[in-house]
C-alpha atoms as a PDB file:
ATOM      1  CA  UNK A   1      73.352 136.198 136.684  1.00  0.00           C
ATOM      2  CA  UNK A   2      74.156 132.297 135.272  1.00  0.00           C
ATOM      3  CA  UNK A   3      74.999 131.120 131.511  1.00  0.00           C
ATOM      4  CA  UNK A   4      72.593 128.215 130.418  1.00  0.00           C
ATOM      5  CA  UNK A   5      74.262 125.038 129.570  1.00  0.00           C
ATOM      6  CA  UNK A   6      71.994 125.701 126.115  1.00  0.00           C
ATOM      7  CA  UNK A   7      74.373 128.655 125.286  1.00  0.00           C
ATOM      8  CA  UNK A   8      77.449 126.245 126.326  1.00  0.00           C
ATOM      9  CA  UNK A   9      76.188 123.660 124.410  1.00  0.00           C
ATOM     10  CA  UNK A  10      75.807 126.279 121.081  1.00  0.00           C
ATOM     11  CA  UNK A  11      79.085 127.528 121.371  1.00  0.00           C
ATOM     12  CA  UNK A  12      80.857 123.882 121.653  1.00  0.00           C
ATOM     13  CA  UNK A  13      78.737 123.181 118.333  1.00  0.00           C
ATOM     14  CA  UNK A  14      80.171 125.912 116.483  1.00  0.00           C
ATOM     15  CA  UNK A  15      83.717 124.668 116.902  1.00  0.00           C
ATOM     16  CA  UNK A  16      84.795 122.442 114.373  1.00  0.00           C
ATOM     17  CA  UNK A  17      84.885 118.948 116.131  1.00  0.00           C
ATOM     18  CA  UNK A  18      86.188 114.819 114.849  1.00  0.00           C
ATOM     19  CA  UNK A  19      84.711 112.290 116.737  1.00  0.00           C
ATOM     20  CA  UNK A  20      87.660 110.300 119.398  1.00  0.00           C
ATOM     21  CA  UNK A  21      85.512 109.777 122.322  1.00  0.00           C
ATOM     22  CA  UNK A  22      82.875 107.543 124.079  1.00  0.00           C
ATOM     23  CA  UNK A  23      80.812 110.150 126.057  1.00  0.00           C
ATOM     24  CA  UNK A  24      79.289 110.386 128.565  1.00  0.00           C
ATOM     25  CA  UNK A  25      81.657 108.581 130.762  1.00  0.00           C
ATOM     26  CA  UNK A  26      80.772 107.023 133.984  1.00  0.00           C
ATOM     27  CA  UNK A  27      80.615 108.637 137.224  1.00  0.00           C
ATOM     28  CA  UNK A  28      80.799 105.540 140.024  1.00  0.00           C
ATOM     29  CA  UNK A  29      81.598 105.713 143.781  1.00  0.00           C
ATOM     30  CA  UNK A  30      84.413 104.931 145.336  1.00  0.00           C
ATOM     31  CA  UNK A  31      82.779 103.028 148.672  1.00  0.00           C
ATOM     32  CA  UNK A  32      85.016 100.445 149.365  1.00  0.00           C
ATOM     33  CA  UNK A  33      88.255 102.767 149.208  1.00  0.00           C
ATOM     34  CA  UNK A  34      86.225 105.081 151.637  1.00  0.00           C
ATOM     35  CA  UNK A  35      85.542 102.132 153.985  1.00  0.00           C
ATOM     36  CA  UNK A  36      89.432 100.707 153.956  1.00  0.00           C
ATOM     37  CA  UNK A  37      90.156 105.115 155.156  1.00  0.00           C
ATOM     38  CA  UNK A  38      87.327 104.619 157.862  1.00  0.00           C
ATOM     39  CA  UNK A  39      88.697 101.165 159.198  1.00  0.00           C
ATOM     40  CA  UNK A  40      92.469 103.616 159.433  1.00  0.00           C
ATOM     41  CA  UNK A  41      90.602 105.446 161.227  1.00  0.00           C
ATOM     42  CA  UNK A  42      90.116 108.187 158.520  1.00  0.00           C
ATOM     43  CA  UNK A  43      87.326 110.837 158.842  1.00  0.00           C
ATOM     44  CA  UNK A  44      85.668 110.915 155.678  1.00  0.00           C
ATOM     45  CA  UNK A  45      83.121 113.039 153.412  1.00  0.00           C
ATOM     46  CA  UNK A  46      79.967 111.642 153.209  1.00  0.00           C
ATOM     47  CA  UNK A  47      80.752 110.366 149.550  1.00  0.00           C
ATOM     48  CA  UNK A  48      83.398 109.833 147.707  1.00  0.00           C
ATOM     49  CA  UNK A  49      83.173 109.261 143.305  1.00  0.00           C
ATOM     50  CA  UNK A  50      85.251 109.068 140.764  1.00  0.00           C
ATOM     51  CA  UNK A  51      84.911 110.359 136.923  1.00  0.00           C
ATOM     52  CA  UNK A  52      86.072 107.811 134.774  1.00  0.00           C
ATOM     53  CA  UNK A  53      87.584 109.641 132.028  1.00  0.00           C
ATOM     54  CA  UNK A  54      89.928 107.121 131.423  1.00  0.00           C
ATOM     55  CA  UNK A  55      87.262 105.058 130.002  1.00  0.00           C
ATOM     56  CA  UNK A  56      86.863 107.538 126.723  1.00  0.00           C
ATOM     57  CA  UNK A  57      87.874 104.787 124.548  1.00  0.00           C
ATOM     58  CA  UNK A  58      90.595 105.229 121.703  1.00  0.00           C
ATOM     59  CA  UNK A  59      94.103 104.319 122.346  1.00  0.00           C
ATOM     60  CA  UNK A  60      93.468 103.309 126.275  1.00  0.00           C
ATOM     61  CA  UNK A  61      91.076 106.218 126.909  1.00  0.00           C
ATOM     62  CA  UNK A  62      91.925 109.265 129.158  1.00  0.00           C
ATOM     63  CA  UNK A  63      90.723 112.915 129.288  1.00  0.00           C
ATOM     64  CA  UNK A  64      92.864 113.952 126.516  1.00  0.00           C
ATOM     65  CA  UNK A  65      90.600 111.914 124.314  1.00  0.00           C
ATOM     66  CA  UNK A  66      88.033 115.275 124.642  1.00  0.00           C
ATOM     67  CA  UNK A  67      90.921 117.609 124.350  1.00  0.00           C
ATOM     68  CA  UNK A  68      92.087 116.417 121.127  1.00  0.00           C
ATOM     69  CA  UNK A  69      88.603 115.997 119.529  1.00  0.00           C
ATOM     70  CA  UNK A  70      89.348 119.673 119.161  1.00  0.00           C
ATOM     71  CA  UNK A  71      92.559 119.901 118.527  1.00  0.00           C
ATOM     72  CA  UNK A  72      92.647 117.326 115.344  1.00  0.00           C
ATOM     73  CA  UNK A  73      89.383 118.987 113.782  1.00  0.00           C
ATOM     74  CA  UNK A  74      91.665 122.687 114.143  1.00  0.00           C
ATOM     75  CA  UNK A  75      94.567 120.947 112.427  1.00  0.00           C
ATOM     76  CA  UNK A  76      92.341 119.352 109.727  1.00  0.00           C
ATOM     77  CA  UNK A  77      89.984 122.683 109.107  1.00  0.00           C
ATOM     78  CA  UNK A  78      93.741 124.604 108.986  1.00  0.00           C
ATOM     79  CA  UNK A  79      94.947 122.207 105.677  1.00  0.00           C
ATOM     80  CA  UNK A  80      97.622 120.818 107.464  1.00  0.00           C
ATOM     81  CA  UNK A  81      98.933 117.040 106.519  1.00  0.00           C
ATOM     82  CA  UNK A  82     101.891 116.800 109.054  1.00  0.00           C
ATOM     83  CA  UNK A  83     101.645 117.101 113.050  1.00  0.00           C
ATOM     84  CA  UNK A  84     104.925 117.903 114.402  1.00  0.00           C
ATOM     85  CA  UNK A  85     105.362 117.508 118.261  1.00  0.00           C
ATOM     86  CA  UNK A  86     107.872 117.843 121.130  1.00  0.00           C
ATOM     87  CA  UNK A  87     107.205 116.323 124.051  1.00  0.00           C
ATOM     88  CA  UNK A  88     108.587 114.167 126.847  1.00  0.00           C
ATOM     89  CA  UNK A  89     109.216 110.293 126.961  1.00  0.00           C
ATOM     90  CA  UNK A  90     106.217 109.829 129.426  1.00  0.00           C
ATOM     91  CA  UNK A  91     103.774 112.015 127.367  1.00  0.00           C
ATOM     92  CA  UNK A  92      99.837 111.156 127.281  1.00  0.00           C
ATOM     93  CA  UNK A  93      99.507 113.516 124.567  1.00  0.00           C
ATOM     94  CA  UNK A  94     101.946 112.334 122.534  1.00  0.00           C
ATOM     95  CA  UNK A  95      99.852 109.117 122.482  1.00  0.00           C
ATOM     96  CA  UNK A  96      96.301 111.044 122.177  1.00  0.00           C
ATOM     97  CA  UNK A  97      98.038 113.035 119.021  1.00  0.00           C
ATOM     98  CA  UNK A  98      99.345 109.669 117.838  1.00  0.00           C
ATOM     99  CA  UNK A  99      95.712 108.104 118.008  1.00  0.00           C
ATOM    100  CA  UNK A 100      94.148 111.690 116.367  1.00  0.00           C
ATOM    101  CA  UNK A 101      96.855 111.814 113.415  1.00  0.00           C
ATOM    102  CA  UNK A 102      96.355 107.740 112.596  1.00  0.00           C
ATOM    103  CA  UNK A 103      91.913 107.966 112.853  1.00  0.00           C
ATOM    104  CA  UNK A 104      92.571 111.687 110.254  1.00  0.00           C
ATOM    105  CA  UNK A 105      95.100 110.249 108.147  1.00  0.00           C
ATOM    106  CA  UNK A 106      97.462 112.532 109.121  1.00  0.00           C
ATOM    107  CA  UNK A 107     101.354 112.100 109.212  1.00  0.00           C
ATOM    108  CA  UNK A 108     102.995 112.242 112.793  1.00  0.00           C
ATOM    109  CA  UNK A 109     106.164 112.860 114.244  1.00  0.00           C
ATOM    110  CA  UNK A 110     106.840 112.634 117.839  1.00  0.00           C
ATOM    111  CA  UNK A 111     110.525 114.145 119.000  1.00  0.00           C
ATOM    112  CA  UNK A 112     110.194 112.428 122.253  1.00  0.00           C
ATOM    113  CA  UNK A 113     113.048 114.113 124.556  1.00  0.00           C
ATOM    114  CA  UNK A 114     114.659 112.459 127.860  1.00  0.00           C
ATOM    115  CA  UNK A 115     114.300 109.094 129.419  1.00  0.00           C
ATOM    116  CA  UNK A 116     116.558 108.526 126.344  1.00  0.00           C
ATOM    117  CA  UNK A 117     118.040 104.802 127.415  1.00  0.00           C
ATOM    118  CA  UNK A 118     114.654 104.005 128.677  1.00  0.00           C
ATOM    119  CA  UNK A 119     113.163 100.876 126.806  1.00  0.00           C
ATOM    120  CA  UNK A 120     110.194 101.477 124.264  1.00  0.00           C
ATOM    121  CA  UNK A 121     107.312 101.080 126.134  1.00  0.00           C
ATOM    122  CA  UNK A 122     104.142 102.298 127.868  1.00  0.00           C
ATOM    123  CA  UNK A 123     102.871 105.352 125.532  1.00  0.00           C
ATOM    124  CA  UNK A 124     105.906 105.996 122.950  1.00  0.00           C
ATOM    125  CA  UNK A 125     105.328 101.757 122.359  1.00  0.00           C
ATOM    126  CA  UNK A 126     101.620 103.044 121.277  1.00  0.00           C
ATOM    127  CA  UNK A 127     102.895 106.049 119.490  1.00  0.00           C
ATOM    128  CA  UNK A 128     104.981 103.800 117.089  1.00  0.00           C
ATOM    129  CA  UNK A 129     102.340 101.052 116.742  1.00  0.00           C
ATOM    130  CA  UNK A 130      99.481 103.910 115.651  1.00  0.00           C
ATOM    131  CA  UNK A 131     102.017 105.172 113.124  1.00  0.00           C
ATOM    132  CA  UNK A 132     104.113 107.587 114.286  1.00  0.00           C
ATOM    133  CA  UNK A 133     108.013 108.674 113.361  1.00  0.00           C
ATOM    134  CA  UNK A 134     109.852 108.814 116.528  1.00  0.00           C
ATOM    135  CA  UNK A 135     113.119 111.241 116.905  1.00  0.00           C
ATOM    136  CA  UNK A 136     114.182 110.540 120.635  1.00  0.00           C
ATOM    137  CA  UNK A 137     116.512 113.395 121.960  1.00  0.00           C
ATOM    138  CA  UNK A 138     118.117 115.450 124.834  1.00  0.00           C
ATOM    139  CA  UNK A 139     115.854 117.777 125.700  1.00  0.00           C
ATOM    140  CA  UNK A 140     117.991 120.811 124.584  1.00  0.00           C
ATOM    141  CA  UNK A 141     117.840 119.829 121.106  1.00  0.00           C
ATOM    142  CA  UNK A 142     114.202 119.149 120.708  1.00  0.00           C
ATOM    143  CA  UNK A 143     113.347 122.551 118.922  1.00  0.00           C
ATOM    144  CA  UNK A 144     116.455 122.156 116.761  1.00  0.00           C
ATOM    145  CA  UNK A 145     114.793 118.667 115.543  1.00  0.00           C
ATOM    146  CA  UNK A 146     111.584 119.918 114.969  1.00  0.00           C
ATOM    147  CA  UNK A 147     112.247 122.496 112.863  1.00  0.00           C
ATOM    148  CA  UNK A 148     114.660 120.295 110.777  1.00  0.00           C
ATOM    149  CA  UNK A 149     111.950 118.269 110.391  1.00  0.00           C
ATOM    150  CA  UNK A 150     109.327 120.947 109.619  1.00  0.00           C
ATOM    151  CA  UNK A 151     111.788 122.336 106.859  1.00  0.00           C
ATOM    152  CA  UNK A 152     112.514 118.545 105.217  1.00  0.00           C
ATOM    153  CA  UNK A 153     108.808 117.941 105.184  1.00  0.00           C
ATOM    154  CA  UNK A 154     107.619 121.401 103.288  1.00  0.00           C
ATOM    155  CA  UNK A 155     110.542 120.450 101.163  1.00  0.00           C
ATOM    156  CA  UNK A 156     108.862 117.314 100.243  1.00  0.00           C
ATOM    157  CA  UNK A 157     105.623 119.375  99.711  1.00  0.00           C
ATOM    158  CA  UNK A 158     104.027 118.556 102.526  1.00  0.00           C
ATOM    159  CA  UNK A 159     102.078 121.059 105.018  1.00  0.00           C
ATOM    160  CA  UNK A 160     103.558 120.547 108.786  1.00  0.00           C
ATOM    161  CA  UNK A 161     102.552 121.980 111.815  1.00  0.00           C
ATOM    162  CA  UNK A 162     104.182 122.272 115.072  1.00  0.00           C
ATOM    163  CA  UNK A 163     101.903 121.646 117.720  1.00  0.00           C
ATOM    164  CA  UNK A 164     103.202 123.727 120.615  1.00  0.00           C
ATOM    165  CA  UNK A 165     104.107 126.941 118.506  1.00  0.00           C
ATOM    166  CA  UNK A 166      99.772 126.957 118.028  1.00  0.00           C
ATOM    167  CA  UNK A 167      97.953 129.163 121.068  1.00  0.00           C
ATOM    168  CA  UNK A 168      94.674 127.122 120.320  1.00  0.00           C
ATOM    169  CA  UNK A 169      96.485 123.992 121.831  1.00  0.00           C
ATOM    170  CA  UNK A 170      96.691 126.274 125.186  1.00  0.00           C
ATOM    171  CA  UNK A 171      92.792 125.830 125.582  1.00  0.00           C
ATOM    172  CA  UNK A 172      91.496 122.838 124.016  1.00  0.00           C
ATOM    173  CA  UNK A 173      91.421 121.382 127.168  1.00  0.00           C
ATOM    174  CA  UNK A 174      89.725 123.768 128.955  1.00  0.00           C
ATOM    175  CA  UNK A 175      87.008 123.710 126.456  1.00  0.00           C
ATOM    176  CA  UNK A 176      86.741 120.005 126.487  1.00  0.00           C
ATOM    177  CA  UNK A 177      85.761 120.506 130.525  1.00  0.00           C
ATOM    178  CA  UNK A 178      83.345 122.907 129.736  1.00  0.00           C
ATOM    179  CA  UNK A 179      81.796 120.005 128.076  1.00  0.00           C
ATOM    180  CA  UNK A 180      82.174 117.797 130.794  1.00  0.00           C
ATOM    181  CA  UNK A 181      80.577 120.125 132.970  1.00  0.00           C
ATOM    182  CA  UNK A 182      77.175 119.820 131.687  1.00  0.00           C
ATOM    183  CA  UNK A 183      77.891 115.680 131.868  1.00  0.00           C
ATOM    184  CA  UNK A 184      78.405 116.266 135.600  1.00  0.00           C
ATOM    185  CA  UNK A 185      75.984 118.279 136.302  1.00  0.00           C
ATOM    186  CA  UNK A 186      73.440 115.998 135.515  1.00  0.00           C
ATOM    187  CA  UNK A 187      75.243 112.692 136.476  1.00  0.00           C
ATOM    188  CA  UNK A 188      75.596 114.471 140.039  1.00  0.00           C
ATOM    189  CA  UNK A 189      71.827 115.621 140.010  1.00  0.00           C
ATOM    190  CA  UNK A 190      71.120 111.947 139.015  1.00  0.00           C
ATOM    191  CA  UNK A 191      73.272 110.516 141.833  1.00  0.00           C
ATOM    192  CA  UNK A 192      71.303 112.863 144.387  1.00  0.00           C
ATOM    193  CA  UNK A 193      74.275 115.175 145.758  1.00  0.00           C
ATOM    194  CA  UNK A 194      73.480 117.852 147.382  1.00  0.00           C
ATOM    195  CA  UNK A 195      75.721 120.363 148.947  1.00  0.00           C
ATOM    196  CA  UNK A 196      79.684 121.231 147.438  1.00  0.00           C
ATOM    197  CA  UNK A 197      81.160 119.150 145.291  1.00  0.00           C
ATOM    198  CA  UNK A 198      85.254 119.142 145.507  1.00  0.00           C
ATOM    199  CA  UNK A 199      86.803 117.939 141.846  1.00  0.00           C
ATOM    200  CA  UNK A 200      90.077 116.594 142.571  1.00  0.00           C
ATOM    201  CA  UNK A 201      92.733 116.109 140.262  1.00  0.00           C
ATOM    202  CA  UNK A 202      95.762 117.406 138.426  1.00  0.00           C
ATOM    203  CA  UNK A 203      97.091 120.891 137.809  1.00  0.00           C
ATOM    204  CA  UNK A 204      95.860 121.081 133.868  1.00  0.00           C
ATOM    205  CA  UNK A 205      93.544 121.970 131.736  1.00  0.00           C
ATOM    206  CA  UNK A 206      90.942 119.601 132.522  1.00  0.00           C
ATOM    207  CA  UNK A 207      90.264 120.729 135.987  1.00  0.00           C
ATOM    208  CA  UNK A 208      90.274 123.900 135.265  1.00  0.00           C
ATOM    209  CA  UNK A 209      87.717 123.825 132.709  1.00  0.00           C
ATOM    210  CA  UNK A 210      85.231 122.232 135.268  1.00  0.00           C
ATOM    211  CA  UNK A 211      86.072 125.060 137.807  1.00  0.00           C
ATOM    212  CA  UNK A 212      85.374 127.903 134.879  1.00  0.00           C
ATOM    213  CA  UNK A 213      81.667 125.900 133.913  1.00  0.00           C
ATOM    214  CA  UNK A 214      80.819 125.940 137.752  1.00  0.00           C
ATOM    215  CA  UNK A 215      81.574 129.379 138.387  1.00  0.00           C
ATOM    216  CA  UNK A 216      79.264 130.432 135.325  1.00  0.00           C
ATOM    217  CA  UNK A 217      76.743 127.943 136.314  1.00  0.00           C
ATOM    218  CA  UNK A 218      76.848 129.321 140.068  1.00  0.00           C
ATOM    219  CA  UNK A 219      77.163 125.601 141.087  1.00  0.00           C
ATOM    220  CA  UNK A 220      79.121 124.712 144.346  1.00  0.00           C
ATOM    221  CA  UNK A 221      81.902 123.209 142.932  1.00  0.00           C
ATOM    222  CA  UNK A 222      85.178 123.813 144.240  1.00  0.00           C
ATOM    223  CA  UNK A 223      88.300 122.115 143.343  1.00  0.00           C
ATOM    224  CA  UNK A 224      91.782 120.794 144.343  1.00  0.00           C
ATOM    225  CA  UNK A 225      94.705 120.354 141.620  1.00  0.00           C
ATOM    226  CA  UNK A 226      97.943 118.150 143.016  1.00  0.00           C
ATOM    227  CA  UNK A 227     101.579 119.166 141.209  1.00  0.00           C
ATOM    228  CA  UNK A 228     102.695 116.549 139.249  1.00  0.00           C
ATOM    229  CA  UNK A 229     105.955 118.190 138.086  1.00  0.00           C
ATOM    230  CA  UNK A 230     108.288 120.797 139.771  1.00  0.00           C
ATOM    231  CA  UNK A 231     106.766 124.332 139.063  1.00  0.00           C
ATOM    232  CA  UNK A 232     106.239 127.414 140.922  1.00  0.00           C
ATOM    233  CA  UNK A 233     102.270 127.253 142.127  1.00  0.00           C
ATOM    234  CA  UNK A 234     101.804 130.883 141.046  1.00  0.00           C
ATOM    235  CA  UNK A 235     102.853 130.229 137.332  1.00  0.00           C
ATOM    236  CA  UNK A 236     100.312 127.903 137.055  1.00  0.00           C
ATOM    237  CA  UNK A 237      97.523 129.795 138.542  1.00  0.00           C
ATOM    238  CA  UNK A 238      98.430 133.018 136.337  1.00  0.00           C
ATOM    239  CA  UNK A 239      98.562 130.799 133.279  1.00  0.00           C
ATOM    240  CA  UNK A 240      95.421 129.307 133.973  1.00  0.00           C
ATOM    241  CA  UNK A 241      93.363 132.435 135.020  1.00  0.00           C
ATOM    242  CA  UNK A 242      94.627 133.847 131.500  1.00  0.00           C
ATOM    243  CA  UNK A 243      93.784 131.143 129.359  1.00  0.00           C
ATOM    244  CA  UNK A 244      90.701 131.164 130.906  1.00  0.00           C
ATOM    245  CA  UNK A 245      90.014 134.982 129.700  1.00  0.00           C
ATOM    246  CA  UNK A 246      90.245 132.905 126.293  1.00  0.00           C
ATOM    247  CA  UNK A 247      87.536 130.834 126.780  1.00  0.00           C
ATOM    248  CA  UNK A 248      85.381 133.229 128.479  1.00  0.00           C
ATOM    249  CA  UNK A 249      85.818 135.675 125.383  1.00  0.00           C
ATOM    250  CA  UNK A 250      85.610 133.056 122.563  1.00  0.00           C
ATOM    251  CA  UNK A 251      82.098 131.083 124.889  1.00  0.00           C
ATOM    252  CA  UNK A 252      80.774 134.773 126.009  1.00  0.00           C
ATOM    253  CA  UNK A 253      80.940 133.818 129.387  1.00  0.00           C
ATOM    254  CA  UNK A 254      79.968 136.151 132.268  1.00  0.00           C
ATOM    255  CA  UNK A 255      83.286 135.359 134.706  1.00  0.00           C
ATOM    256  CA  UNK A 256      87.099 134.348 133.781  1.00  0.00           C
ATOM    257  CA  UNK A 257      88.827 132.073 136.396  1.00  0.00           C
ATOM    258  CA  UNK A 258      90.857 134.120 139.427  1.00  0.00           C
ATOM    259  CA  UNK A 259      94.092 133.044 140.494  1.00  0.00           C
ATOM    260  CA  UNK A 260      92.443 131.793 143.445  1.00  0.00           C
ATOM    261  CA  UNK A 261      89.934 129.765 142.191  1.00  0.00           C
ATOM    262  CA  UNK A 262      91.897 126.370 141.786  1.00  0.00           C
ATOM    263  CA  UNK A 263      93.532 125.288 145.256  1.00  0.00           C
ATOM    264  CA  UNK A 264      96.938 123.674 144.257  1.00  0.00           C
ATOM    265  CA  UNK A 265      99.061 121.288 146.167  1.00  0.00           C
ATOM    266  CA  UNK A 266     102.245 120.820 145.561  1.00  0.00           C
ATOM    267  CA  UNK A 267     103.489 117.782 148.390  1.00  0.00           C
ATOM    268  CA  UNK A 268     102.333 115.286 146.368  1.00  0.00           C
ATOM    269  CA  UNK A 269     104.562 115.997 143.039  1.00  0.00           C
ATOM    270  CA  UNK A 270     107.293 113.329 144.209  1.00  0.00           C
ATOM    271  CA  UNK A 271     111.158 113.747 143.616  1.00  0.00           C
ATOM    272  CA  UNK A 272     110.599 114.459 139.548  1.00  0.00           C
ATOM    273  CA  UNK A 273     107.881 114.753 136.279  1.00  0.00           C
ATOM    274  CA  UNK A 274     107.508 111.066 135.703  1.00  0.00           C
ATOM    275  CA  UNK A 275     109.020 109.420 139.107  1.00  0.00           C
ATOM    276  CA  UNK A 276     106.378 108.596 142.026  1.00  0.00           C
ATOM    277  CA  UNK A 277     107.418 108.342 145.759  1.00  0.00           C
ATOM    278  CA  UNK A 278     106.251 105.741 148.111  1.00  0.00           C
ATOM    279  CA  UNK A 279     103.120 107.352 148.631  1.00  0.00           C
ATOM    280  CA  UNK A 280     101.983 107.001 145.122  1.00  0.00           C
ATOM    281  CA  UNK A 281     103.246 103.589 145.396  1.00  0.00           C
ATOM    282  CA  UNK A 282     100.980 102.890 148.360  1.00  0.00           C
ATOM    283  CA  UNK A 283      98.042 104.759 146.498  1.00  0.00           C
ATOM    284  CA  UNK A 284      97.790 103.005 143.343  1.00  0.00           C
ATOM    285  CA  UNK A 285      97.976  99.560 145.525  1.00  0.00           C
ATOM    286  CA  UNK A 286      95.464 100.835 147.643  1.00  0.00           C
ATOM    287  CA  UNK A 287      92.704 101.916 145.185  1.00  0.00           C
ATOM    288  CA  UNK A 288      93.822  98.883 142.998  1.00  0.00           C
ATOM    289  CA  UNK A 289      92.572  96.535 145.823  1.00  0.00           C
ATOM    290  CA  UNK A 290      89.559  98.284 147.078  1.00  0.00           C
ATOM    291  CA  UNK A 291      88.186  98.984 143.559  1.00  0.00           C
ATOM    292  CA  UNK A 292      89.851  97.406 141.145  1.00  0.00           C
ATOM    293  CA  UNK A 293      90.526 100.801 139.754  1.00  0.00           C
ATOM    294  CA  UNK A 294      94.100 101.205 137.875  1.00  0.00           C
ATOM    295  CA  UNK A 295      95.738 104.546 138.306  1.00  0.00           C
ATOM    296  CA  UNK A 296      99.013 105.463 136.944  1.00  0.00           C
ATOM    297  CA  UNK A 297     102.806 106.781 138.414  1.00  0.00           C
ATOM    298  CA  UNK A 298     102.788 109.848 136.866  1.00  0.00           C
ATOM    299  CA  UNK A 299      99.682 111.374 136.904  1.00  0.00           C
ATOM    300  CA  UNK A 300      96.692 109.888 138.897  1.00  0.00           C
ATOM    301  CA  UNK A 301      98.836 107.844 141.413  1.00  0.00           C
ATOM    302  CA  UNK A 302      99.512 111.648 142.442  1.00  0.00           C
ATOM    303  CA  UNK A 303      96.369 113.035 142.571  1.00  0.00           C
ATOM    304  CA  UNK A 304      95.047 109.724 144.540  1.00  0.00           C
ATOM    305  CA  UNK A 305      98.253 110.308 147.005  1.00  0.00           C
ATOM    306  CA  UNK A 306      97.188 113.838 147.495  1.00  0.00           C
ATOM    307  CA  UNK A 307      93.745 112.995 148.101  1.00  0.00           C
ATOM    308  CA  UNK A 308      94.427 110.321 150.899  1.00  0.00           C
ATOM    309  CA  UNK A 309      97.030 112.050 152.424  1.00  0.00           C
ATOM    310  CA  UNK A 310      94.984 115.144 152.756  1.00  0.00           C
ATOM    311  CA  UNK A 311      92.159 112.824 154.081  1.00  0.00           C
ATOM    312  CA  UNK A 312      94.271 111.434 156.613  1.00  0.00           C
ATOM    313  CA  UNK A 313      95.534 114.880 157.524  1.00  0.00           C
ATOM    314  CA  UNK A 314      92.135 115.657 158.257  1.00  0.00           C
ATOM    315  CA  UNK A 315      92.157 118.617 155.510  1.00  0.00           C
ATOM    316  CA  UNK A 316      89.204 117.758 153.305  1.00  0.00           C
ATOM    317  CA  UNK A 317      85.503 119.055 154.767  1.00  0.00           C
ATOM    318  CA  UNK A 318      83.280 116.568 155.666  1.00  0.00           C
ATOM    319  CA  UNK A 319      80.737 117.983 153.829  1.00  0.00           C
ATOM    320  CA  UNK A 320      81.799 117.960 150.681  1.00  0.00           C
ATOM    321  CA  UNK A 321      81.602 114.985 148.245  1.00  0.00           C
ATOM    322  CA  UNK A 322      84.562 114.549 146.170  1.00  0.00           C
ATOM    323  CA  UNK A 323      84.646 113.766 142.754  1.00  0.00           C
ATOM    324  CA  UNK A 324      88.287 112.484 141.551  1.00  0.00           C
ATOM    325  CA  UNK A 325      88.981 112.776 137.914  1.00  0.00           C
ATOM    326  CA  UNK A 326      90.565 110.051 136.238  1.00  0.00           C
ATOM    327  CA  UNK A 327      91.965 111.004 133.643  1.00  0.00           C
ATOM    328  CA  UNK A 328      93.591 108.186 132.334  1.00  0.00           C
ATOM    329  CA  UNK A 329      97.665 107.705 131.512  1.00  0.00           C
ATOM    330  CA  UNK A 330      97.319 103.922 131.932  1.00  0.00           C
ATOM    331  CA  UNK A 331     100.095 103.081 129.648  1.00  0.00           C
ATOM    332  CA  UNK A 332     102.745 104.796 131.647  1.00  0.00           C
ATOM    333  CA  UNK A 333     102.001 102.015 134.750  1.00  0.00           C
ATOM    334  CA  UNK A 334     104.252  99.372 132.200  1.00  0.00           C
ATOM    335  CA  UNK A 335     107.145 101.852 131.856  1.00  0.00           C
ATOM    336  CA  UNK A 336     107.220 101.164 136.179  1.00  0.00           C
ATOM    337  CA  UNK A 337     106.597  98.378 136.395  1.00  0.00           C
ATOM    338  CA  UNK A 338     109.974  97.458 138.552  1.00  0.00           C
ATOM    339  CA  UNK A 339     108.111  99.380 141.629  1.00  0.00           C
ATOM    340  CA  UNK A 340     105.271  96.870 141.691  1.00  0.00           C
ATOM    341  CA  UNK A 341     107.132  93.566 141.316  1.00  0.00           C
ATOM    342  CA  UNK A 342     107.907  92.663 144.968  1.00  0.00           C
END
């Protein structure tokens, strides 16, 4: 038994929402990248596509535009007027919360840890332009700083909210990509795609949402997620399965995800979070020259290096249609400009 699109739509419409994104985003061919790989002698699948979630619109776009339509609405419904966030210097999430808060008239503090000596550029620069109060601190003091801000804002008569403390923020991305599944099902049909589809992206909530959608719709959609930072594959799989149970219950779905529903690749994450290796640099340059499509060194570049690496190694089935999820992240390209100037 499969779950209908209408049922999923109805459940989505029941949730509070604050408009942030231009939807639907395009589904485009990667024909020239496919040909460049063929010219190397690589066996490639019959079709390679890209889902352009880098063009959702707000604040340079990205998949988190979909996520935060639900999160900002959730914050407003709770009556909060101030958002306190804790995240890394490179964070796309921090940028999108800044944009959402600006659109919604919320005060925003970002406690930005690590890379303390790095210049104010990329996502953090955009946070500042959108009115965020930036607090740069070593990682070990981030929670302490956030709680100090919370206390000060409360004493000033405001109603603050520390984002990482709310469990809803852990599932909003999966919710947003249930809707993306509806979008993609129609786009793939319109494109005449037959046979199995493999979505290719990053470990996270977005690709998990697509796999959850496919599993409940009875679609032959598979998913490969590349790690972009250190961590045990088993931990990601377990957390994702548990979060999917929450979403399945909320949406009255037939099934949730099992730990093996997502193939996870750990060989392309580079030396650290926010640090690309030579394969990432090559992938960004290759896709830029072949398609005029820009990737970033922290996230989509790592996912694409994984796709190119697995294709070269002959580990992608020829009968699959590859659909690369371009999740955005473009501002951080400029934080790594020195790696591309030679």
